[in-house]
Structures are given as C-alpha cells and as structure tokens.
Amino acid sequence: MFRRPPILRLLLLCLFLAIPHLTLPARAAEPGAEVLNVSATLSADTPTITTLVYDTGPMNLRLQVSGGEPGDIVTLTLRSNANQPLQSWRARSGETIWGNATLPSGSQFVVQNGGTSTLNVSLQVYARGTITELAEGDSAWQGVALGRWCR
C-alpha cells in the first residue's frame, strides 16, 4: 500500500483548511468595505446636501474638499434619526480629513458649504477596519498634508 509522505499530508490539510466553508453567517459589511460614496458640488444656491445612511455600526469617514478659495470651509454633520446632531467635522478647501463614528439606525449625513464659493465634496464611509483609530476615543484626525522632498 502506498504511504503518503508527511509533507503531502500537511499540504492536503492546509488546502482543506484554506477552502472557504459555505455555511458562513451573513454580515452587513466586512471591515473596510465601502458602505457610502457621495460626490457633489455645493454652490451658494445649493449649499447643503443630506444623505440617509442605511448601514449601522462603527465606521470610518473620509471627506475631501476641493475648489473655491483656500479658506472656504465645509461642515459634515452626523445626525440621528430624530435629526439631532451627534458629531461634526470641518474641512477646508484642499483638505482631506478622516474621522470615525458609530452610526445609529436611521442616521443621516449633512454636508454644508459655509462660504459663497462653489466647492466639490467627496464623502466615503467605510466599515471600521480601513483606517485604525489613533487612540481610544479619538473621533477625527484632520489637517493639511504637505509634500516634502526626501534626499
């Protein structure tokens, strides 16, 4: 009778364990999965957009603002289903900011242009796992990234 070498048995075991099982429970979104992607132009005529959120749980947020003048500010507000503000972030033109929040059921995002210039905004929301919190309880990191030449 043919005996399989130990290395072959180990490889077969690894192959069996690597095959995904078909009975995995359903989940809302894998960590890092994009759950919302909104791009808009906010002018003085239409300075606000509101987007309903259908997913719940801990999320990372990315807000990018361009156009207008360097001092123009956009405010992103997370509101509850009772329209109460829960958290907010501010970004200037030319900035990309990251934040995180736990989204309750029926919540919404409100993006508001605080100036008179036309601004382009892009908001992405990811299930937690794409960007880690810097420390427990941190709700945002923001600022302007400046490119530097390295030698």
C-alpha atoms as a PDB file:
ATOM      1  CA  MET A   1       0.000   0.000   0.000  1.00  0.00           C
ATOM      2  CA  PHE A   2       1.238   3.487  -0.897  1.00  0.00           C
ATOM      3  CA  ARG A   3       2.002   5.706   2.114  1.00  0.00           C
ATOM      4  CA  ARG A   4       1.774   9.458   1.698  1.00  0.00           C
ATOM      5  CA  PRO A   5       4.823  11.346   2.888  1.00  0.00           C
ATOM      6  CA  PRO A   6       4.190  13.598   5.946  1.00  0.00           C
ATOM      7  CA  ILE A   7       4.721  16.768   3.903  1.00  0.00           C
ATOM      8  CA  LEU A   8       1.992  15.731   1.465  1.00  0.00           C
ATOM      9  CA  ARG A   9      -0.429  15.107   4.355  1.00  0.00           C
ATOM     10  CA  LEU A  10       0.390  18.559   5.724  1.00  0.00           C
ATOM     11  CA  LEU A  11      -0.208  20.189   2.330  1.00  0.00           C
ATOM     12  CA  LEU A  12      -3.544  18.400   1.955  1.00  0.00           C
ATOM     13  CA  LEU A  13      -4.600  19.547   5.432  1.00  0.00           C
ATOM     14  CA  CYS A  14      -3.631  23.154   4.640  1.00  0.00           C
ATOM     15  CA  LEU A  15      -5.552  23.000   1.352  1.00  0.00           C
ATOM     16  CA  PHE A  16      -8.644  21.684   3.130  1.00  0.00           C
ATOM     17  CA  LEU A  17      -8.457  24.436   5.777  1.00  0.00           C
ATOM     18  CA  ALA A  18      -7.968  27.122   3.119  1.00  0.00           C
ATOM     19  CA  ILE A  19     -11.198  26.221   1.272  1.00  0.00           C
ATOM     20  CA  PRO A  20     -13.961  28.572   2.449  1.00  0.00           C
ATOM     21  CA  HIS A  21     -16.929  26.935   4.087  1.00  0.00           C
ATOM     22  CA  LEU A  22     -20.299  27.628   2.516  1.00  0.00           C
ATOM     23  CA  THR A  23     -22.167  27.989   5.807  1.00  0.00           C
ATOM     24  CA  LEU A  24     -20.699  31.330   6.943  1.00  0.00           C
ATOM     25  CA  PRO A  25     -23.193  33.643   8.674  1.00  0.00           C
ATOM     26  CA  ALA A  26     -24.318  36.730   6.747  1.00  0.00           C
ATOM     27  CA  ARG A  27     -22.762  40.046   7.789  1.00  0.00           C
ATOM     28  CA  ALA A  28     -23.668  43.651   6.976  1.00  0.00           C
ATOM     29  CA  ALA A  29     -20.231  44.717   5.721  1.00  0.00           C
ATOM     30  CA  GLU A  30     -16.752  43.328   6.021  1.00  0.00           C
ATOM     31  CA  PRO A  31     -14.284  45.546   7.906  1.00  0.00           C
ATOM     32  CA  GLY A  32     -13.030  48.106   5.453  1.00  0.00           C
ATOM     33  CA  ALA A  33     -15.919  47.698   2.995  1.00  0.00           C
ATOM     34  CA  GLU A  34     -17.211  50.909   1.441  1.00  0.00           C
ATOM     35  CA  VAL A  35     -20.795  51.492   2.590  1.00  0.00           C
ATOM     36  CA  LEU A  36     -21.390  55.008   1.228  1.00  0.00           C
ATOM     37  CA  ASN A  37     -19.833  57.060  -1.567  1.00  0.00           C
ATOM     38  CA  VAL A  38     -21.217  60.525  -2.350  1.00  0.00           C
ATOM     39  CA  SER A  39     -19.733  63.238  -4.557  1.00  0.00           C
ATOM     40  CA  ALA A  40     -21.404  66.608  -5.026  1.00  0.00           C
ATOM     41  CA  THR A  41     -20.871  70.216  -5.991  1.00  0.00           C
ATOM     42  CA  LEU A  42     -22.045  72.694  -3.376  1.00  0.00           C
ATOM     43  CA  SER A  43     -22.721  76.200  -4.644  1.00  0.00           C
ATOM     44  CA  ALA A  44     -24.175  79.246  -2.918  1.00  0.00           C
ATOM     45  CA  ASP A  45     -27.559  78.296  -4.455  1.00  0.00           C
ATOM     46  CA  THR A  46     -27.497  74.740  -3.066  1.00  0.00           C
ATOM     47  CA  PRO A  47     -25.113  74.865  -0.098  1.00  0.00           C
ATOM     48  CA  THR A  48     -26.362  71.682   1.645  1.00  0.00           C
ATOM     49  CA  ILE A  49     -26.802  68.016   0.776  1.00  0.00           C
ATOM     50  CA  THR A  50     -28.345  65.387   3.040  1.00  0.00           C
ATOM     51  CA  THR A  51     -27.665  61.664   2.625  1.00  0.00           C
ATOM     52  CA  LEU A  52     -29.511  58.935   4.511  1.00  0.00           C
ATOM     53  CA  VAL A  53     -27.395  56.112   5.928  1.00  0.00           C
ATOM     54  CA  TYR A  54     -28.679  52.551   5.759  1.00  0.00           C
ATOM     55  CA  ASP A  55     -25.779  50.787   7.493  1.00  0.00           C
ATOM     56  CA  THR A  56     -25.128  50.925  11.226  1.00  0.00           C
ATOM     57  CA  GLY A  57     -22.139  50.354  13.465  1.00  0.00           C
ATOM     58  CA  PRO A  58     -18.579  51.651  13.725  1.00  0.00           C
ATOM     59  CA  MET A  59     -17.429  53.400  10.545  1.00  0.00           C
ATOM     60  CA  ASN A  60     -14.512  55.432   9.212  1.00  0.00           C
ATOM     61  CA  LEU A  61     -15.272  58.589   7.260  1.00  0.00           C
ATOM     62  CA  ARG A  62     -13.247  60.333   4.555  1.00  0.00           C
ATOM     63  CA  LEU A  63     -14.220  63.838   3.435  1.00  0.00           C
ATOM     64  CA  GLN A  64     -12.341  65.536   0.599  1.00  0.00           C
ATOM     65  CA  VAL A  65     -12.964  69.158  -0.389  1.00  0.00           C
ATOM     66  CA  SER A  66     -11.695  70.977  -3.467  1.00  0.00           C
ATOM     67  CA  GLY A  67     -12.425  74.146  -5.426  1.00  0.00           C
ATOM     68  CA  GLY A  68     -13.328  77.553  -4.079  1.00  0.00           C
ATOM     69  CA  GLU A  69     -10.894  79.611  -2.046  1.00  0.00           C
ATOM     70  CA  PRO A  70      -8.298  78.158   0.399  1.00  0.00           C
ATOM     71  CA  GLY A  71     -10.218  79.399   3.461  1.00  0.00           C
ATOM     72  CA  ASP A  72     -13.620  78.008   2.395  1.00  0.00           C
ATOM     73  CA  ILE A  73     -14.991  75.501   4.895  1.00  0.00           C
ATOM     74  CA  VAL A  74     -17.344  72.541   4.573  1.00  0.00           C
ATOM     75  CA  THR A  75     -19.031  71.074   7.655  1.00  0.00           C
ATOM     76  CA  LEU A  76     -20.012  67.408   7.763  1.00  0.00           C
ATOM     77  CA  THR A  77     -22.579  66.588  10.452  1.00  0.00           C
ATOM     78  CA  LEU A  78     -23.814  63.161  11.507  1.00  0.00           C
ATOM     79  CA  ARG A  79     -27.443  63.433  12.649  1.00  0.00           C
ATOM     80  CA  SER A  80     -29.630  60.897  14.450  1.00  0.00           C
ATOM     81  CA  ASN A  81     -32.953  59.650  13.091  1.00  0.00           C
ATOM     82  CA  ALA A  82     -34.540  62.373  15.293  1.00  0.00           C
ATOM     83  CA  ASN A  83     -32.429  64.965  13.380  1.00  0.00           C
ATOM     84  CA  GLN A  84     -30.225  65.666  16.412  1.00  0.00           C
ATOM     85  CA  PRO A  85     -26.535  66.403  15.698  1.00  0.00           C
ATOM     86  CA  LEU A  86     -24.293  63.609  17.002  1.00  0.00           C
ATOM     87  CA  GLN A  87     -20.851  64.556  15.634  1.00  0.00           C
ATOM     88  CA  SER A  88     -19.408  67.035  13.176  1.00  0.00           C
ATOM     89  CA  TRP A  89     -16.183  67.624  11.271  1.00  0.00           C
ATOM     90  CA  ARG A  90     -14.866  70.629   9.341  1.00  0.00           C
ATOM     91  CA  ALA A  91     -12.633  70.620   6.271  1.00  0.00           C
ATOM     92  CA  ARG A  92     -11.136  73.494   4.317  1.00  0.00           C
ATOM     93  CA  SER A  93     -10.825  73.592   0.560  1.00  0.00           C
ATOM     94  CA  GLY A  94      -7.845  71.454  -0.441  1.00  0.00           C
ATOM     95  CA  GLU A  95      -8.116  69.229   2.651  1.00  0.00           C
ATOM     96  CA  THR A  96      -8.914  65.576   3.074  1.00  0.00           C
ATOM     97  CA  ILE A  97      -9.935  64.621   6.595  1.00  0.00           C
ATOM     98  CA  TRP A  98     -10.584  61.248   8.214  1.00  0.00           C
ATOM     99  CA  GLY A  99     -12.844  60.608  11.158  1.00  0.00           C
ATOM    100  CA  ASN A 100     -14.748  57.780  12.746  1.00  0.00           C
ATOM    101  CA  ALA A 101     -18.146  57.379  14.311  1.00  0.00           C
ATOM    102  CA  THR A 102     -20.669  54.757  15.302  1.00  0.00           C
ATOM    103  CA  LEU A 103     -23.661  55.202  13.019  1.00  0.00           C
ATOM    104  CA  PRO A 104     -27.052  54.624  14.652  1.00  0.00           C
ATOM    105  CA  SER A 105     -30.022  53.233  12.766  1.00  0.00           C
ATOM    106  CA  GLY A 106     -31.746  55.806  10.564  1.00  0.00           C
ATOM    107  CA  SER A 107     -28.933  58.353  10.746  1.00  0.00           C
ATOM    108  CA  GLN A 108     -28.007  60.856   8.063  1.00  0.00           C
ATOM    109  CA  PHE A 109     -25.038  62.926   6.934  1.00  0.00           C
ATOM    110  CA  VAL A 110     -25.452  66.625   6.198  1.00  0.00           C
ATOM    111  CA  VAL A 111     -22.706  68.344   4.207  1.00  0.00           C
ATOM    112  CA  GLN A 112     -22.855  72.131   4.239  1.00  0.00           C
ATOM    113  CA  ASN A 113     -20.855  74.746   2.350  1.00  0.00           C
ATOM    114  CA  GLY A 114     -20.017  77.546   4.790  1.00  0.00           C
ATOM    115  CA  GLY A 115     -18.897  80.055   2.149  1.00  0.00           C
ATOM    116  CA  THR A 116     -20.074  81.635  -1.068  1.00  0.00           C
ATOM    117  CA  SER A 117     -17.707  79.796  -3.457  1.00  0.00           C
ATOM    118  CA  THR A 118     -18.600  76.616  -5.289  1.00  0.00           C
ATOM    119  CA  LEU A 119     -16.933  73.608  -3.644  1.00  0.00           C
ATOM    120  CA  ASN A 120     -16.599  69.982  -4.708  1.00  0.00           C
ATOM    121  CA  VAL A 121     -17.005  67.440  -1.935  1.00  0.00           C
ATOM    122  CA  SER A 122     -16.471  63.702  -1.826  1.00  0.00           C
ATOM    123  CA  LEU A 123     -17.608  61.634   1.163  1.00  0.00           C
ATOM    124  CA  GLN A 124     -16.778  57.950   1.603  1.00  0.00           C
ATOM    125  CA  VAL A 125     -17.851  55.854   4.570  1.00  0.00           C
ATOM    126  CA  TYR A 126     -16.122  52.549   5.298  1.00  0.00           C
ATOM    127  CA  ALA A 127     -16.905  49.834   7.801  1.00  0.00           C
ATOM    128  CA  ARG A 128     -14.343  50.119  10.598  1.00  0.00           C
ATOM    129  CA  GLY A 129     -11.077  48.460   9.743  1.00  0.00           C
ATOM    130  CA  THR A 130      -9.837  50.577   6.832  1.00  0.00           C
ATOM    131  CA  ILE A 131      -8.067  53.175   8.967  1.00  0.00           C
ATOM    132  CA  THR A 132      -7.352  52.496  12.615  1.00  0.00           C
ATOM    133  CA  GLU A 133      -8.128  54.887  15.438  1.00  0.00           C
ATOM    134  CA  LEU A 134      -5.026  56.627  16.719  1.00  0.00           C
ATOM    135  CA  ALA A 135      -6.143  56.202  20.323  1.00  0.00           C
ATOM    136  CA  GLU A 136      -9.232  55.054  22.143  1.00  0.00           C
ATOM    137  CA  GLY A 137     -11.925  57.708  21.956  1.00  0.00           C
ATOM    138  CA  ASP A 138     -10.355  59.729  19.104  1.00  0.00           C
ATOM    139  CA  SER A 139     -13.074  60.889  16.753  1.00  0.00           C
ATOM    140  CA  ALA A 140     -11.037  62.549  13.994  1.00  0.00           C
ATOM    141  CA  TRP A 141      -7.697  63.423  12.581  1.00  0.00           C
ATOM    142  CA  GLN A 142      -7.524  66.375  10.335  1.00  0.00           C
ATOM    143  CA  GLY A 143      -5.094  68.795   8.806  1.00  0.00           C
ATOM    144  CA  VAL A 144      -3.305  69.625   5.610  1.00  0.00           C
ATOM    145  CA  ALA A 145      -0.794  67.146   4.246  1.00  0.00           C
ATOM    146  CA  LEU A 146       2.263  68.934   2.896  1.00  0.00           C
ATOM    147  CA  GLY A 147       4.501  67.147   0.401  1.00  0.00           C
ATOM    148  CA  ARG A 148       8.239  67.197   1.139  1.00  0.00           C
ATOM    149  CA  TRP A 149      11.165  66.125  -0.987  1.00  0.00           C
ATOM    150  CA  CYS A 150      13.317  63.477   0.645  1.00  0.00           C
ATOM    151  CA  ARG A 151      17.009  63.134  -0.124  1.00  0.00           C
END
